[in-house]
Protein backbone atom coordinates (compact mmCIF):
# COMPACT_ATOMS: atom_id res chain seq x y z
CA UNK A 1 0.98 28.46 -126.11
CA UNK A 2 -2.61 28.38 -124.93
CA UNK A 3 -1.49 26.82 -121.64
CA UNK A 4 0.99 29.65 -121.05
CA UNK A 5 -1.75 32.22 -121.58
CA UNK A 6 -3.94 30.28 -119.19
CA UNK A 7 -1.25 30.25 -116.51
CA UNK A 8 -0.67 33.97 -116.92
CA UNK A 9 -4.37 34.60 -116.69
CA UNK A 10 -4.67 32.58 -113.46
CA UNK A 11 -1.69 34.36 -111.96
CA UNK A 12 -3.25 37.70 -112.81
CA UNK A 13 -6.49 36.66 -111.05
CA UNK A 14 -4.62 35.61 -107.91
CA UNK A 15 -2.61 38.82 -107.80
CA UNK A 16 -5.75 40.84 -108.33
CA UNK A 17 -7.40 39.06 -105.35
CA UNK A 18 -4.42 39.72 -103.13
CA UNK A 19 -4.41 43.35 -104.16
CA UNK A 20 -8.09 43.64 -103.22
CA UNK A 21 -7.45 42.14 -99.76
CA UNK A 22 -4.50 44.41 -99.08
CA UNK A 23 -6.46 47.47 -100.21
CA UNK A 24 -9.37 46.52 -97.93
CA UNK A 25 -7.09 46.09 -94.89
CA UNK A 26 -5.42 49.43 -95.50
CA UNK A 27 -8.62 51.28 -96.17
CA UNK A 28 -10.62 49.76 -93.20
CA UNK A 29 -8.19 48.67 -90.44
CA UNK A 30 -10.98 48.19 -87.77
CA UNK A 31 -12.60 45.41 -89.78
CA UNK A 32 -9.46 43.36 -90.19
CA UNK A 33 -9.55 40.09 -88.30
CA UNK A 34 -7.16 39.62 -85.33
CA UNK A 35 -5.45 36.53 -84.01
CA UNK A 36 -7.49 36.74 -80.82
CA UNK A 37 -10.77 36.70 -82.75
CA UNK A 38 -9.57 33.91 -84.93
CA UNK A 39 -8.81 31.75 -81.89
CA UNK A 40 -11.46 29.86 -79.98
CA UNK A 41 -13.42 32.23 -77.70
CA UNK A 42 -12.49 31.91 -74.00
CA UNK A 43 -14.79 29.96 -71.76
CA UNK A 44 -17.29 32.06 -69.82
CA UNK A 45 -17.13 29.66 -66.86
CA UNK A 46 -15.11 31.20 -64.04
CA UNK A 47 -12.45 29.16 -62.36
CA UNK A 48 -12.16 28.99 -58.58
CA UNK A 49 -9.72 31.49 -57.17
CA UNK A 50 -6.38 30.27 -55.96
CA UNK A 51 -5.00 31.91 -52.84
CA UNK A 52 -2.17 34.28 -53.47
CA UNK A 53 0.08 32.16 -51.37
CA UNK A 54 -0.39 29.19 -53.63
CA UNK A 55 -1.83 25.84 -52.77
CA UNK A 56 -5.18 24.30 -53.55
CA UNK A 57 -8.28 26.37 -54.17
CA UNK A 58 -10.76 26.55 -51.34
CA UNK A 59 -13.89 24.50 -51.61
CA UNK A 60 -16.68 26.26 -53.48
CA UNK A 61 -19.73 26.88 -51.32
CA UNK A 62 -22.91 25.46 -52.84
CA UNK A 63 -25.51 28.07 -53.71
CA UNK A 64 -28.47 28.34 -51.39
CA UNK A 65 -26.52 27.23 -48.32
CA UNK A 66 -25.66 29.56 -45.51
CA UNK A 67 -22.26 29.95 -43.93
CA UNK A 68 -21.70 27.45 -41.13
CA UNK A 69 -22.35 28.86 -37.68
CA UNK A 70 -19.28 29.36 -35.49
CA UNK A 71 -18.88 26.67 -32.88
CA UNK A 72 -20.54 27.44 -29.59
CA UNK A 73 -18.42 27.37 -26.46
CA UNK A 74 -20.11 25.63 -23.61
CA UNK A 75 -19.70 27.31 -20.24
CA UNK A 76 -17.18 25.66 -17.98
CA UNK A 77 -18.67 22.82 -16.05
CA UNK A 78 -19.58 23.87 -12.53
CA UNK A 79 -17.51 21.96 -10.04
CA UNK A 80 -19.33 20.96 -6.92
CA UNK A 81 -17.38 20.59 -3.71
CA UNK A 82 -18.64 17.94 -1.39
CA UNK A 83 -19.18 19.33 2.11
CA UNK A 84 -16.80 17.85 4.66
CA UNK A 85 -18.01 15.02 6.80
CA UNK A 86 -19.56 16.24 10.05
CA UNK A 87 -17.26 16.07 13.04
CA UNK A 88 -18.59 13.24 15.19
CA UNK A 89 -19.22 13.29 18.91
CA UNK A 90 -17.12 10.48 20.38
CA UNK A 91 -18.41 10.64 23.93
CA UNK A 92 -18.26 12.78 27.02
CA UNK A 93 -14.85 13.70 28.40
CA UNK A 94 -13.78 12.64 31.88
CA UNK A 95 -12.42 15.09 34.38
CA UNK A 96 -8.81 15.02 35.58
CA UNK A 97 -8.62 13.83 39.14
CA UNK A 98 -6.04 12.60 41.68
CA UNK A 99 -3.48 14.99 40.22
CA UNK A 100 -0.26 16.04 41.96
CA UNK A 101 -0.68 19.62 40.81
CA UNK A 102 -0.32 21.85 37.76
CA UNK A 103 2.50 23.67 36.00
CA UNK A 104 2.39 26.73 33.69
CA UNK A 105 -1.05 27.82 34.90
CA UNK A 106 -2.92 29.20 37.87
CA UNK A 107 -5.85 26.85 37.15
CA UNK A 108 -6.54 24.03 39.57
CA UNK A 109 -8.82 21.84 37.44
CA UNK A 110 -9.61 20.91 33.87
CA UNK A 111 -13.10 22.34 34.33
CA UNK A 112 -11.63 25.73 35.18
CA UNK A 113 -9.56 25.69 31.99
CA UNK A 114 -12.54 24.58 29.94
CA UNK A 115 -14.71 27.39 31.31
CA UNK A 116 -12.15 29.93 30.10
CA UNK A 117 -11.95 28.56 26.58
CA UNK A 118 -14.03 27.33 23.68
CA UNK A 119 -11.94 24.25 22.92
CA UNK A 120 -9.46 22.29 24.99
CA UNK A 121 -6.82 20.04 23.42
CA UNK A 122 -5.75 17.37 25.90
CA UNK A 123 -2.61 15.32 25.25
CA UNK A 124 -1.24 12.49 27.37
CA UNK A 125 2.55 12.53 27.22
CA UNK A 126 5.79 12.17 29.15
CA UNK A 127 8.96 14.11 28.53
CA UNK A 128 11.18 11.05 28.07
CA UNK A 129 8.97 9.62 25.31
CA UNK A 130 10.62 10.05 21.89
CA UNK A 131 7.27 9.80 20.09
CA UNK A 132 5.80 12.50 22.32
CA UNK A 133 8.68 14.85 21.54
CA UNK A 134 7.90 14.57 17.81
CA UNK A 135 4.47 16.12 18.40
CA UNK A 136 5.53 19.18 20.39
CA UNK A 137 6.32 21.44 17.42
CA UNK A 138 2.83 20.81 16.02
CA UNK A 139 1.20 21.45 19.38
CA UNK A 140 3.28 24.60 19.81
CA UNK A 141 2.10 25.90 16.42
CA UNK A 142 -1.52 25.13 17.27
CA UNK A 143 -1.17 26.85 20.65
CA UNK A 144 0.41 29.94 19.10
CA UNK A 145 -2.19 30.20 16.32
CA UNK A 146 -5.34 29.62 18.37
CA UNK A 147 -4.60 30.59 21.97
CA UNK A 148 -6.13 34.03 21.43
CA UNK A 149 -9.20 32.48 19.82
CA UNK A 150 -10.25 30.42 22.83
CA UNK A 151 -8.20 27.26 22.42
CA UNK A 152 -6.05 25.88 25.24
CA UNK A 153 -3.69 22.93 25.20
CA UNK A 154 -3.32 20.79 28.31
CA UNK A 155 -0.47 18.32 28.57
CA UNK A 156 -1.30 15.53 31.00
CA UNK A 157 2.14 14.36 32.06
CA UNK A 158 1.95 10.66 32.90
CA UNK A 159 5.47 9.32 33.56
CA UNK A 160 6.64 5.97 32.30
CA UNK A 161 9.81 5.81 34.41
CA UNK A 162 10.68 7.03 37.89
CA UNK A 163 12.95 9.88 36.75
CA UNK A 164 10.05 11.27 34.68
CA UNK A 165 7.94 11.58 37.86
CA UNK A 166 10.33 14.06 39.48
CA UNK A 167 8.78 17.55 39.32
CA UNK A 168 12.14 19.29 38.92
CA UNK A 169 12.94 17.10 35.94
CA UNK A 170 9.55 17.87 34.40
CA UNK A 171 10.04 21.63 34.85
CA UNK A 172 13.51 21.48 33.30
CA UNK A 173 12.38 19.30 30.38
CA UNK A 174 9.33 21.49 29.69
CA UNK A 175 11.57 24.55 29.44
CA UNK A 176 14.00 22.77 27.10
CA UNK A 177 11.21 21.41 24.89
CA UNK A 178 9.28 24.68 24.71
CA UNK A 179 6.16 23.39 26.45
CA UNK A 180 4.52 26.62 27.63
CA UNK A 181 0.93 25.41 27.94
CA UNK A 182 -0.60 24.01 31.18
CA UNK A 183 0.77 20.70 32.43
CA UNK A 184 -1.33 18.44 34.67
CA UNK A 185 0.84 16.18 36.86
CA UNK A 186 -0.65 12.69 36.56
CA UNK A 187 2.14 11.07 38.57
CA UNK A 188 0.27 7.85 39.40
CA UNK A 189 -1.05 7.56 35.81
CA UNK A 190 -4.58 7.31 37.16
CA UNK A 191 -6.00 9.54 34.41
CA UNK A 192 -3.75 7.94 31.81
CA UNK A 193 -5.54 4.63 32.35
CA UNK A 194 -8.96 6.07 33.19
CA UNK A 195 -9.23 7.98 29.90
CA UNK A 196 -7.89 5.14 27.74
CA UNK A 197 -10.10 2.08 27.68
CA UNK A 198 -8.54 -1.36 27.77
CA UNK A 199 -5.34 -2.67 29.29
CA UNK A 200 -3.04 -0.54 27.13
CA UNK A 201 -2.46 3.19 27.34
CA UNK A 202 -0.59 5.20 24.70
CA UNK A 203 2.01 7.95 24.71
CA UNK A 204 1.06 10.24 23.04
CA UNK A 205 -2.71 10.36 22.78
CA UNK A 206 -4.57 13.57 21.93
CA UNK A 207 -8.20 14.69 22.27
CA UNK A 208 -10.28 17.77 21.45
CA UNK A 209 -12.93 18.68 24.02
CA UNK A 210 -15.59 21.18 22.92
CA UNK A 211 -17.51 23.73 24.97
CA UNK A 212 -20.12 21.12 25.87
CA UNK A 213 -17.47 18.71 27.21
CA UNK A 214 -17.87 16.41 24.22
CA UNK A 215 -14.90 14.59 22.69
CA UNK A 216 -14.63 15.61 19.03
CA UNK A 217 -11.21 14.15 18.21
CA UNK A 218 -9.27 11.17 19.54
CA UNK A 219 -6.00 9.92 18.03
CA UNK A 220 -2.97 8.08 19.28
CA UNK A 221 0.58 8.13 17.97
CA UNK A 222 2.88 10.77 16.56
CA UNK A 223 2.03 10.67 12.86
CA UNK A 224 2.30 14.04 11.09
CA UNK A 225 -1.07 13.42 9.43
CA UNK A 226 -2.68 13.09 12.88
CA UNK A 227 -1.52 16.55 13.93
CA UNK A 228 -2.46 18.10 10.59
CA UNK A 229 -5.93 16.65 11.12
CA UNK A 230 -5.94 17.94 14.69
CA UNK A 231 -5.16 21.45 13.46
CA UNK A 232 -7.82 21.29 10.73
CA UNK A 233 -10.45 20.00 13.17
CA UNK A 234 -9.75 22.84 15.60
CA UNK A 235 -10.27 25.34 12.76
CA UNK A 236 -13.57 23.72 11.76
CA UNK A 237 -14.88 23.60 15.29
CA UNK A 238 -13.98 27.24 15.88
CA UNK A 239 -15.77 28.21 12.66
CA UNK A 240 -18.85 26.33 13.87
CA UNK A 241 -18.75 28.04 17.25
CA UNK A 242 -18.53 31.50 15.64
CA UNK A 243 -21.24 30.84 13.02
């Protein structure tokens, strides 16, 4: 019986406590604890931001360090162009003598042609020579480009065979091949051998003679590179004369 009273008394105490708590919460709602306050407080340490696009966070910059300077762009390296090699003097040119006449000009000597011009391109050739024919387009271009600037081409026609020594054949061949520059008739090949040292002469062989009668270019054969070099040398020599 006493234990029943004791249980009732304890139950009454518990209910009374609950009633007090409920009354307090109703009467003072601002002081009631919340689940957020009951939980562990959030850390005050900030986390690194993650880019909106996802992926890893950028590296945090250490305090007290400045932003890295943008890379400097070095100016483009200055390219230096080596000046071309000076054009050598290869000797003094001979005259043309013991000729059988001239075609395509009213001049009667190489000296007369030289006096009228700044540069004279002299080529030994013969119309029946296949290698000589390969050079005529290049000589024609040079003649067309520089004739009005004081450059004359002289073809010294030195025949290899008898039919090439006939003047009528030379005139006909020159017209067919487009040779419009002066032609010196070296029928006996005296100049062909006099200008070319040694026992062998060459068809074709080409020279540049400057205003002081100095040889500034001397090449044999029909190579395209030879006539490109011939053209370039004429340009350089003209530039020197006009400087």
